[in-house]
Amino acid sequence: MKPEHCALLGDQCVGDPINFSIPGGAFRDHLSSLQQHHAPPSPDRSARWDLLLRPELCHKGKGRSDPLVMFGDIAVDPELKNADPCTARGCLWPRATDGKVYVPFRISNQYSARERNTIMQALASFASSTCIRFIPLDRQRDFVNIQSRSGCFSFVGRRGRAQVVSLSRQGCVFNSVIQHELLHALGFNHEQQRSDRDSNVRILLENVEPGQESNFRKIQTINLGTPYDYNSVMHYGRFAFSRNRQPTILPIPDNNAVIGRATQMSTQDISRINLLYRCSECR
């Protein structure tokens, strides 16, 4: 796979993990307490992404077996943390001869039957509108290894061999969160880091928790002609990493536009998967 295919959509992918950003933190079960202590209450109680991300909620691979996690919840290899994007081959999952992209997965037995069903439904959601097919592991070398570790995190793009996607039982097993982490594993980063983000949002670094500024780093990306998407499941909420209960991301020109509240992949999220993986091409 050509490297230029891997710096797309405000998104990047790598064969071996490098330094990228992902929002960490607990979700539905902790949303009300987060907003009560750190941000103005949301009128939409079902919104799982409009929450304030704090350093203590950013999962940094605290478990002994966890990888290094930088900028929130992107897993990286320490020796590659300063590498350029997509320096290794195979950053995208390969297409089969039938045009589908088969991504093997294994789900840890840590999860309850209900949690496992939620994960399975999120995995299956990609098949209804994209060429991505998550399939149970059957002796394949490269696969997504879904485990309950310290929070929600993922490598970006296809890493090779057993590739951990952490979905902690303590707040990560919800459809939007699972889709978000799987999109990272497919090669996507955050919407507000797109190369064209300054025309769509204003980053208020004066309100950002000290030491967390890198979460708002802009990336030089190719966006495949798709518009910036406030509704993307990959978009931070307006209070992400705030130090003072004030917004850190302000939509422009309409400051009141809703951001970071997606409960599932948006139309644009789906379109970008299909563009990145050339799902419309026949073989």
C-alpha atoms as a PDB file:
ATOM      1  CA  MET A   1       0.000   0.000   0.000  1.00  0.00           C
ATOM      2  CA  LYS A   2       1.387   3.384  -0.986  1.00  0.00           C
ATOM      3  CA  PRO A   3       2.222   5.728   1.919  1.00  0.00           C
ATOM      4  CA  GLU A   4       0.179   8.565   0.431  1.00  0.00           C
ATOM      5  CA  HIS A   5      -2.929   6.454   0.915  1.00  0.00           C
ATOM      6  CA  CYS A   6      -2.360   6.592   4.646  1.00  0.00           C
ATOM      7  CA  ALA A   7      -2.522  10.329   5.374  1.00  0.00           C
ATOM      8  CA  LEU A   8      -6.154  10.955   4.665  1.00  0.00           C
ATOM      9  CA  LEU A   9      -9.257  12.636   5.963  1.00  0.00           C
ATOM     10  CA  GLY A  10      -7.783  14.241   9.035  1.00  0.00           C
ATOM     11  CA  ASP A  11      -6.720  10.670   9.541  1.00  0.00           C
ATOM     12  CA  GLN A  12      -3.485   8.734   9.328  1.00  0.00           C
ATOM     13  CA  CYS A  13      -2.555   5.106   9.487  1.00  0.00           C
ATOM     14  CA  VAL A  14       0.612   3.271  10.245  1.00  0.00           C
ATOM     15  CA  GLY A  15       2.008  -0.169   9.833  1.00  0.00           C
ATOM     16  CA  ASP A  16       3.729   0.268  13.161  1.00  0.00           C
ATOM     17  CA  PRO A  17       2.105   2.615  15.666  1.00  0.00           C
ATOM     18  CA  ILE A  18       3.350   6.179  16.059  1.00  0.00           C
ATOM     19  CA  ASN A  19       2.288   9.232  17.985  1.00  0.00           C
ATOM     20  CA  PHE A  20      -1.294  10.284  17.368  1.00  0.00           C
ATOM     21  CA  SER A  21      -4.221  11.585  19.355  1.00  0.00           C
ATOM     22  CA  ILE A  22      -7.336   9.901  20.629  1.00  0.00           C
ATOM     23  CA  PRO A  23      -9.815  11.083  23.229  1.00  0.00           C
ATOM     24  CA  GLY A  24      -9.749   8.960  26.353  1.00  0.00           C
ATOM     25  CA  GLY A  25     -12.121   8.873  29.262  1.00  0.00           C
ATOM     26  CA  ALA A  26     -15.187   7.049  30.470  1.00  0.00           C
ATOM     27  CA  PHE A  27     -18.396   7.456  28.622  1.00  0.00           C
ATOM     28  CA  ARG A  28     -22.072   6.944  29.321  1.00  0.00           C
ATOM     29  CA  ASP A  29     -21.804   5.711  32.884  1.00  0.00           C
ATOM     30  CA  HIS A  30     -19.598   8.672  33.838  1.00  0.00           C
ATOM     31  CA  LEU A  31     -21.003  11.375  31.563  1.00  0.00           C
ATOM     32  CA  SER A  32     -23.266  13.042  34.101  1.00  0.00           C
ATOM     33  CA  SER A  33     -20.568  13.244  36.765  1.00  0.00           C
ATOM     34  CA  LEU A  34     -18.024  14.565  34.270  1.00  0.00           C
ATOM     35  CA  GLN A  35     -20.332  17.301  33.100  1.00  0.00           C
ATOM     36  CA  GLN A  36     -21.362  18.178  36.622  1.00  0.00           C
ATOM     37  CA  HIS A  37     -17.767  18.714  37.732  1.00  0.00           C
ATOM     38  CA  HIS A  38     -16.085  19.906  34.575  1.00  0.00           C
ATOM     39  CA  ALA A  39     -18.494  21.289  32.000  1.00  0.00           C
ATOM     40  CA  PRO A  40     -21.912  22.876  31.520  1.00  0.00           C
ATOM     41  CA  PRO A  41     -24.618  20.206  31.455  1.00  0.00           C
ATOM     42  CA  SER A  42     -25.680  18.873  28.095  1.00  0.00           C
ATOM     43  CA  PRO A  43     -29.382  18.992  27.240  1.00  0.00           C
ATOM     44  CA  ASP A  44     -28.927  15.714  25.411  1.00  0.00           C
ATOM     45  CA  ARG A  45     -28.319  13.068  28.044  1.00  0.00           C
ATOM     46  CA  SER A  46     -27.741  10.434  25.390  1.00  0.00           C
ATOM     47  CA  ALA A  47     -24.746  12.313  23.989  1.00  0.00           C
ATOM     48  CA  ARG A  48     -21.663  10.274  24.812  1.00  0.00           C
ATOM     49  CA  TRP A  49     -18.970  12.373  23.140  1.00  0.00           C
ATOM     50  CA  ASP A  50     -19.766  15.863  24.429  1.00  0.00           C
ATOM     51  CA  LEU A  51     -17.737  15.396  27.566  1.00  0.00           C
ATOM     52  CA  LEU A  52     -14.719  17.022  29.043  1.00  0.00           C
ATOM     53  CA  LEU A  53     -11.537  15.039  28.772  1.00  0.00           C
ATOM     54  CA  ARG A  54      -9.231  15.408  31.728  1.00  0.00           C
ATOM     55  CA  PRO A  55      -5.679  14.050  32.176  1.00  0.00           C
ATOM     56  CA  GLU A  56      -6.940  11.552  34.730  1.00  0.00           C
ATOM     57  CA  LEU A  57      -9.371  10.249  32.118  1.00  0.00           C
ATOM     58  CA  CYS A  58      -6.729   9.833  29.420  1.00  0.00           C
ATOM     59  CA  HIS A  59      -5.675   6.230  29.433  1.00  0.00           C
ATOM     60  CA  LYS A  60      -1.908   6.074  29.204  1.00  0.00           C
ATOM     61  CA  GLY A  61      -1.445   2.337  29.264  1.00  0.00           C
ATOM     62  CA  LYS A  62      -1.279   2.155  33.037  1.00  0.00           C
ATOM     63  CA  GLY A  63      -1.484  -1.619  33.114  1.00  0.00           C
ATOM     64  CA  ARG A  64       1.847  -3.432  33.168  1.00  0.00           C
ATOM     65  CA  SER A  65       1.092  -5.121  29.841  1.00  0.00           C
ATOM     66  CA  ASP A  66      -0.428  -2.039  28.191  1.00  0.00           C
ATOM     67  CA  PRO A  67       1.402  -0.250  25.366  1.00  0.00           C
ATOM     68  CA  LEU A  68       2.519   3.347  25.693  1.00  0.00           C
ATOM     69  CA  VAL A  69      -0.486   5.582  25.048  1.00  0.00           C
ATOM     70  CA  MET A  70       0.118   9.153  23.933  1.00  0.00           C
ATOM     71  CA  PHE A  71      -2.158  12.157  23.444  1.00  0.00           C
ATOM     72  CA  GLY A  72      -5.150  10.528  25.071  1.00  0.00           C
ATOM     73  CA  ASP A  73      -5.639   6.982  23.858  1.00  0.00           C
ATOM     74  CA  ILE A  74      -3.463   6.258  20.800  1.00  0.00           C
ATOM     75  CA  ALA A  75      -1.294   3.214  21.408  1.00  0.00           C
ATOM     76  CA  VAL A  76       2.322   3.543  20.275  1.00  0.00           C
ATOM     77  CA  ASP A  77       5.558   1.626  20.437  1.00  0.00           C
ATOM     78  CA  PRO A  78       8.041   3.686  22.517  1.00  0.00           C
ATOM     79  CA  GLU A  79      10.866   3.225  20.021  1.00  0.00           C
ATOM     80  CA  LEU A  80       8.653   4.551  17.212  1.00  0.00           C
ATOM     81  CA  LYS A  81       6.997   7.460  18.972  1.00  0.00           C
ATOM     82  CA  ASN A  82       8.889  10.010  16.873  1.00  0.00           C
ATOM     83  CA  ALA A  83       8.451   8.179  13.567  1.00  0.00           C
ATOM     84  CA  ASP A  84       6.829   9.682  10.491  1.00  0.00           C
ATOM     85  CA  PRO A  85       3.311   8.532   9.591  1.00  0.00           C
ATOM     86  CA  CYS A  86       2.950   5.344   7.641  1.00  0.00           C
ATOM     87  CA  THR A  87       6.640   4.566   7.353  1.00  0.00           C
ATOM     88  CA  ALA A  88       6.003   0.838   7.276  1.00  0.00           C
ATOM     89  CA  ARG A  89       4.284  -1.161   4.564  1.00  0.00           C
ATOM     90  CA  GLY A  90       0.757  -2.458   4.895  1.00  0.00           C
ATOM     91  CA  CYS A  91      -0.757   0.403   6.856  1.00  0.00           C
ATOM     92  CA  LEU A  92      -4.216  -0.398   5.524  1.00  0.00           C
ATOM     93  CA  TRP A  93      -5.993  -3.707   5.836  1.00  0.00           C
ATOM     94  CA  PRO A  94      -5.804  -5.527   2.482  1.00  0.00           C
ATOM     95  CA  ARG A  95      -8.655  -6.018   0.063  1.00  0.00           C
ATOM     96  CA  ALA A  96      -9.533  -9.545  -0.929  1.00  0.00           C
ATOM     97  CA  THR A  97     -10.137 -10.631  -4.507  1.00  0.00           C
ATOM     98  CA  ASP A  98     -13.888 -10.180  -3.992  1.00  0.00           C
ATOM     99  CA  GLY A  99     -13.363  -6.493  -3.165  1.00  0.00           C
ATOM    100  CA  LYS A 100     -14.112  -6.894   0.536  1.00  0.00           C
ATOM    101  CA  VAL A 101     -11.711  -5.961   3.334  1.00  0.00           C
ATOM    102  CA  TYR A 102     -11.654  -8.738   5.901  1.00  0.00           C
ATOM    103  CA  VAL A 103     -10.416  -7.755   9.355  1.00  0.00           C
ATOM    104  CA  PRO A 104     -10.056 -10.719  11.713  1.00  0.00           C
ATOM    105  CA  PHE A 105     -10.906 -10.106  15.361  1.00  0.00           C
ATOM    106  CA  ARG A 106     -10.809 -11.851  18.686  1.00  0.00           C
ATOM    107  CA  ILE A 107     -12.865 -10.770  21.694  1.00  0.00           C
ATOM    108  CA  SER A 108     -11.517 -11.475  25.157  1.00  0.00           C
ATOM    109  CA  ASN A 109     -13.534 -13.670  27.494  1.00  0.00           C
ATOM    110  CA  GLN A 110     -13.343 -10.809  30.023  1.00  0.00           C
ATOM    111  CA  TYR A 111     -16.666  -9.486  28.732  1.00  0.00           C
ATOM    112  CA  SER A 112     -20.149 -10.470  29.819  1.00  0.00           C
ATOM    113  CA  ALA A 113     -22.573 -11.900  27.264  1.00  0.00           C
ATOM    114  CA  ARG A 114     -24.318  -8.532  27.032  1.00  0.00           C
ATOM    115  CA  GLU A 115     -21.059  -6.642  26.510  1.00  0.00           C
ATOM    116  CA  ARG A 116     -19.928  -9.141  23.920  1.00  0.00           C
ATOM    117  CA  ASN A 117     -23.207  -8.704  22.058  1.00  0.00           C
ATOM    118  CA  THR A 118     -22.748  -4.913  22.056  1.00  0.00           C
ATOM    119  CA  ILE A 119     -19.253  -5.317  20.609  1.00  0.00           C
ATOM    120  CA  MET A 120     -20.486  -7.778  17.992  1.00  0.00           C
ATOM    121  CA  GLN A 121     -23.236  -5.388  16.911  1.00  0.00           C
ATOM    122  CA  ALA A 122     -20.730  -2.559  16.495  1.00  0.00           C
ATOM    123  CA  LEU A 123     -18.440  -4.806  14.462  1.00  0.00           C
ATOM    124  CA  ALA A 124     -21.347  -5.852  12.258  1.00  0.00           C
ATOM    125  CA  SER A 125     -22.423  -2.241  11.689  1.00  0.00           C
ATOM    126  CA  PHE A 126     -19.555  -1.723   9.240  1.00  0.00           C
ATOM    127  CA  ALA A 127     -20.859  -4.419   6.890  1.00  0.00           C
ATOM    128  CA  SER A 128     -24.161  -2.696   6.180  1.00  0.00           C
ATOM    129  CA  SER A 129     -22.631   0.320   4.441  1.00  0.00           C
ATOM    130  CA  THR A 130     -18.945  -0.399   3.708  1.00  0.00           C
ATOM    131  CA  CYS A 131     -16.775  -3.185   2.308  1.00  0.00           C
ATOM    132  CA  ILE A 132     -15.233  -3.769   5.747  1.00  0.00           C
ATOM    133  CA  ARG A 133     -15.998  -7.190   7.174  1.00  0.00           C
ATOM    134  CA  PHE A 134     -14.902  -7.984  10.698  1.00  0.00           C
ATOM    135  CA  ILE A 135     -14.594 -11.762  10.868  1.00  0.00           C
ATOM    136  CA  PRO A 136     -13.759 -14.126  13.749  1.00  0.00           C
ATOM    137  CA  LEU A 137     -10.093 -15.001  13.956  1.00  0.00           C
ATOM    138  CA  ASP A 138      -9.209 -18.252  12.205  1.00  0.00           C
ATOM    139  CA  ARG A 139      -5.437 -18.690  12.160  1.00  0.00           C
ATOM    140  CA  GLN A 140      -4.784 -15.332  10.425  1.00  0.00           C
ATOM    141  CA  ARG A 141      -1.540 -13.639  11.447  1.00  0.00           C
ATOM    142  CA  ASP A 142      -2.855 -10.058  11.691  1.00  0.00           C
ATOM    143  CA  PHE A 143      -5.972  -9.355  13.720  1.00  0.00           C
ATOM    144  CA  VAL A 144      -7.704  -6.952  16.072  1.00  0.00           C
ATOM    145  CA  ASN A 145      -7.444  -8.205  19.638  1.00  0.00           C
ATOM    146  CA  ILE A 146     -10.295  -6.655  21.639  1.00  0.00           C
ATOM    147  CA  GLN A 147      -9.577  -6.585  25.359  1.00  0.00           C
ATOM    148  CA  SER A 148     -10.649  -4.747  28.495  1.00  0.00           C
ATOM    149  CA  ARG A 149      -7.494  -2.901  29.519  1.00  0.00           C
ATOM    150  CA  SER A 150      -6.885   0.540  31.048  1.00  0.00           C
ATOM    151  CA  GLY A 151      -9.498   2.575  29.221  1.00  0.00           C
ATOM    152  CA  CYS A 152     -10.315   3.038  25.537  1.00  0.00           C
ATOM    153  CA  PHE A 153      -7.386   3.013  23.119  1.00  0.00           C
ATOM    154  CA  SER A 154      -6.238   1.686  19.770  1.00  0.00           C
ATOM    155  CA  PHE A 155      -3.317   1.729  17.407  1.00  0.00           C
ATOM    156  CA  VAL A 156      -3.901   3.731  14.227  1.00  0.00           C
ATOM    157  CA  GLY A 157      -4.063   1.598  11.114  1.00  0.00           C
ATOM    158  CA  ARG A 158      -3.001  -1.987  10.607  1.00  0.00           C
ATOM    159  CA  ARG A 159      -0.090  -2.746  12.898  1.00  0.00           C
ATOM    160  CA  GLY A 160       0.446  -6.435  12.238  1.00  0.00           C
ATOM    161  CA  ARG A 161      -0.051  -9.554  14.347  1.00  0.00           C
ATOM    162  CA  ALA A 162      -2.190  -9.234  17.486  1.00  0.00           C
ATOM    163  CA  GLN A 163      -3.261  -5.581  17.526  1.00  0.00           C
ATOM    164  CA  VAL A 164      -4.871  -4.492  20.777  1.00  0.00           C
ATOM    165  CA  VAL A 165      -8.045  -2.444  20.807  1.00  0.00           C
ATOM    166  CA  SER A 166      -8.845  -1.725  24.437  1.00  0.00           C
ATOM    167  CA  LEU A 167     -12.500  -1.362  25.372  1.00  0.00           C
ATOM    168  CA  SER A 168     -12.524  -1.167  29.135  1.00  0.00           C
ATOM    169  CA  ARG A 169     -15.609  -2.594  30.784  1.00  0.00           C
ATOM    170  CA  GLN A 170     -15.557   0.557  32.895  1.00  0.00           C
ATOM    171  CA  GLY A 171     -17.160   2.894  30.370  1.00  0.00           C
ATOM    172  CA  CYS A 172     -15.989   1.917  26.868  1.00  0.00           C
ATOM    173  CA  VAL A 173     -18.460  -0.758  25.785  1.00  0.00           C
ATOM    174  CA  PHE A 174     -20.910   1.453  23.896  1.00  0.00           C
ATOM    175  CA  ASN A 175     -21.587   1.572  20.182  1.00  0.00           C
ATOM    176  CA  SER A 176     -20.112   5.011  19.483  1.00  0.00           C
ATOM    177  CA  VAL A 177     -16.967   4.280  21.470  1.00  0.00           C
ATOM    178  CA  ILE A 178     -16.450   0.909  19.820  1.00  0.00           C
ATOM    179  CA  GLN A 179     -16.950   2.364  16.340  1.00  0.00           C
ATOM    180  CA  HIS A 180     -14.537   5.183  17.208  1.00  0.00           C
ATOM    181  CA  GLU A 181     -11.765   2.816  18.273  1.00  0.00           C
ATOM    182  CA  LEU A 182     -12.340   0.520  15.307  1.00  0.00           C
ATOM    183  CA  LEU A 183     -12.087   3.500  12.960  1.00  0.00           C
ATOM    184  CA  HIS A 184      -8.695   4.216  14.488  1.00  0.00           C
ATOM    185  CA  ALA A 185      -7.695   0.609  13.810  1.00  0.00           C
ATOM    186  CA  LEU A 186      -8.822   1.077  10.200  1.00  0.00           C
ATOM    187  CA  GLY A 187      -6.551   4.118   9.843  1.00  0.00           C
ATOM    188  CA  PHE A 188      -8.539   7.165  10.920  1.00  0.00           C
ATOM    189  CA  ASN A 189      -7.564   9.898  13.347  1.00  0.00           C
ATOM    190  CA  HIS A 190      -9.615  12.740  14.799  1.00  0.00           C
ATOM    191  CA  GLU A 191     -11.728  15.130  12.796  1.00  0.00           C
ATOM    192  CA  GLN A 192     -10.502  18.275  14.543  1.00  0.00           C
ATOM    193  CA  GLN A 193      -6.923  17.490  13.481  1.00  0.00           C
ATOM    194  CA  ARG A 194      -7.707  17.713   9.763  1.00  0.00           C
ATOM    195  CA  SER A 195      -5.551  20.000   7.658  1.00  0.00           C
ATOM    196  CA  ASP A 196      -8.585  22.200   6.947  1.00  0.00           C
ATOM    197  CA  ARG A 197      -9.847  22.387  10.517  1.00  0.00           C
ATOM    198  CA  ASP A 198      -9.023  26.092  10.981  1.00  0.00           C
ATOM    199  CA  SER A 199     -11.810  26.978   8.560  1.00  0.00           C
ATOM    200  CA  ASN A 200     -14.301  25.021  10.646  1.00  0.00           C
ATOM    201  CA  VAL A 201     -13.283  25.222  14.300  1.00  0.00           C
ATOM    202  CA  ARG A 202     -11.231  27.504  16.496  1.00  0.00           C
ATOM    203  CA  ILE A 203      -8.962  25.848  19.046  1.00  0.00           C
ATOM    204  CA  LEU A 204      -8.864  27.781  22.322  1.00  0.00           C
ATOM    205  CA  LEU A 205      -5.513  26.722  23.724  1.00  0.00           C
ATOM    206  CA  GLU A 206      -5.851  29.167  26.603  1.00  0.00           C
ATOM    207  CA  ASN A 207      -8.556  26.876  27.990  1.00  0.00           C
ATOM    208  CA  VAL A 208      -6.635  23.635  27.481  1.00  0.00           C
ATOM    209  CA  GLU A 209      -5.238  21.736  30.444  1.00  0.00           C
ATOM    210  CA  PRO A 210      -1.461  22.354  30.611  1.00  0.00           C
ATOM    211  CA  GLY A 211       0.408  19.528  28.964  1.00  0.00           C
ATOM    212  CA  GLN A 212      -2.547  18.496  26.812  1.00  0.00           C
ATOM    213  CA  GLU A 213      -2.001  20.938  23.939  1.00  0.00           C
ATOM    214  CA  SER A 214      -0.721  18.195  21.649  1.00  0.00           C
ATOM    215  CA  ASN A 215      -4.218  16.736  21.528  1.00  0.00           C
ATOM    216  CA  PHE A 216      -5.141  19.663  19.283  1.00  0.00           C
ATOM    217  CA  ARG A 217      -2.227  19.402  16.898  1.00  0.00           C
ATOM    218  CA  LYS A 218      -3.216  19.892  13.275  1.00  0.00           C
ATOM    219  CA  ILE A 219      -2.045  17.242  10.825  1.00  0.00           C
ATOM    220  CA  GLN A 220      -1.265  17.806   7.160  1.00  0.00           C
ATOM    221  CA  THR A 221      -3.772  15.479   5.586  1.00  0.00           C
ATOM    222  CA  ILE A 222      -5.420  14.564   2.331  1.00  0.00           C
ATOM    223  CA  ASN A 223      -9.168  14.709   2.833  1.00  0.00           C
ATOM    224  CA  LEU A 224     -10.419  12.940  -0.302  1.00  0.00           C
ATOM    225  CA  GLY A 225     -12.644  15.863  -1.175  1.00  0.00           C
ATOM    226  CA  THR A 226     -14.909  15.271   1.814  1.00  0.00           C
ATOM    227  CA  PRO A 227     -16.220  18.168   3.904  1.00  0.00           C
ATOM    228  CA  TYR A 228     -15.351  18.763   7.542  1.00  0.00           C
ATOM    229  CA  ASP A 229     -17.866  16.885   9.667  1.00  0.00           C
ATOM    230  CA  TYR A 230     -19.095  18.162  13.029  1.00  0.00           C
ATOM    231  CA  ASN A 231     -21.185  14.989  13.278  1.00  0.00           C
ATOM    232  CA  SER A 232     -18.285  12.580  12.900  1.00  0.00           C
ATOM    233  CA  VAL A 233     -17.910   9.955  15.587  1.00  0.00           C
ATOM    234  CA  MET A 234     -14.215  10.931  15.466  1.00  0.00           C
ATOM    235  CA  HIS A 235     -14.794  14.534  16.605  1.00  0.00           C
ATOM    236  CA  TYR A 236     -13.889  15.799  20.080  1.00  0.00           C
ATOM    237  CA  GLY A 237     -16.505  17.572  22.158  1.00  0.00           C
ATOM    238  CA  ARG A 238     -16.231  21.300  22.753  1.00  0.00           C
ATOM    239  CA  PHE A 239     -14.961  20.899  26.340  1.00  0.00           C
ATOM    240  CA  ALA A 240     -12.283  18.290  25.606  1.00  0.00           C
ATOM    241  CA  PHE A 241      -9.295  18.670  27.956  1.00  0.00           C
ATOM    242  CA  SER A 242     -10.620  21.935  29.381  1.00  0.00           C
ATOM    243  CA  ARG A 243      -8.889  23.296  32.479  1.00  0.00           C
ATOM    244  CA  ASN A 244     -11.536  25.841  33.409  1.00  0.00           C
ATOM    245  CA  ARG A 245     -14.952  24.598  32.224  1.00  0.00           C
ATOM    246  CA  GLN A 246     -14.644  26.789  29.145  1.00  0.00           C
ATOM    247  CA  PRO A 247     -14.741  25.443  25.565  1.00  0.00           C
ATOM    248  CA  THR A 248     -11.517  24.268  23.978  1.00  0.00           C
ATOM    249  CA  ILE A 249     -13.075  23.792  20.523  1.00  0.00           C
ATOM    250  CA  LEU A 250     -15.419  26.383  19.062  1.00  0.00           C
ATOM    251  CA  PRO A 251     -17.256  25.729  15.789  1.00  0.00           C
ATOM    252  CA  ILE A 252     -17.075  28.579  13.272  1.00  0.00           C
ATOM    253  CA  PRO A 253     -18.821  30.556  11.978  1.00  0.00           C
ATOM    254  CA  ASP A 254     -21.741  29.159  13.999  1.00  0.00           C
ATOM    255  CA  ASN A 255     -20.399  28.918  17.531  1.00  0.00           C
ATOM    256  CA  ASN A 256     -23.538  27.060  18.591  1.00  0.00           C
ATOM    257  CA  ALA A 257     -23.146  24.178  16.162  1.00  0.00           C
ATOM    258  CA  VAL A 258     -23.218  20.786  17.866  1.00  0.00           C
ATOM    259  CA  ILE A 259     -19.907  18.901  17.895  1.00  0.00           C
ATOM    260  CA  GLY A 260     -18.709  15.715  19.520  1.00  0.00           C
ATOM    261  CA  ARG A 261     -22.094  14.165  20.251  1.00  0.00           C
ATOM    262  CA  ALA A 262     -22.235  11.387  17.689  1.00  0.00           C
ATOM    263  CA  THR A 263     -23.765   8.132  18.872  1.00  0.00           C
ATOM    264  CA  GLN A 264     -22.802   6.301  15.687  1.00  0.00           C
ATOM    265  CA  MET A 265     -20.800   6.767  12.509  1.00  0.00           C
ATOM    266  CA  SER A 266     -21.987   9.677  10.399  1.00  0.00           C
ATOM    267  CA  THR A 267     -22.708   9.582   6.687  1.00  0.00           C
ATOM    268  CA  GLN A 268     -19.313  11.188   6.099  1.00  0.00           C
ATOM    269  CA  ASP A 269     -17.545   8.649   8.327  1.00  0.00           C
ATOM    270  CA  ILE A 270     -19.016   5.894   6.183  1.00  0.00           C
ATOM    271  CA  SER A 271     -18.178   7.711   2.951  1.00  0.00           C
ATOM    272  CA  ARG A 272     -14.553   8.082   4.016  1.00  0.00           C
ATOM    273  CA  ILE A 273     -14.194   4.395   4.783  1.00  0.00           C
ATOM    274  CA  ASN A 274     -15.501   3.604   1.324  1.00  0.00           C
ATOM    275  CA  LEU A 275     -13.148   6.107  -0.277  1.00  0.00           C
ATOM    276  CA  LEU A 276     -10.082   5.063   1.700  1.00  0.00           C
ATOM    277  CA  TYR A 277     -10.631   1.374   1.028  1.00  0.00           C
ATOM    278  CA  ARG A 278     -12.005   1.882  -2.502  1.00  0.00           C
ATOM    279  CA  CYS A 279     -15.139  -0.020  -1.625  1.00  0.00           C
ATOM    280  CA  SER A 280     -16.966   1.009  -4.792  1.00  0.00           C
ATOM    281  CA  GLU A 281     -14.385  -0.596  -7.074  1.00  0.00           C
ATOM    282  CA  CYS A 282     -15.330  -3.948  -8.531  1.00  0.00           C
ATOM    283  CA  ARG A 283     -12.963  -6.857  -9.000  1.00  0.00           C
END
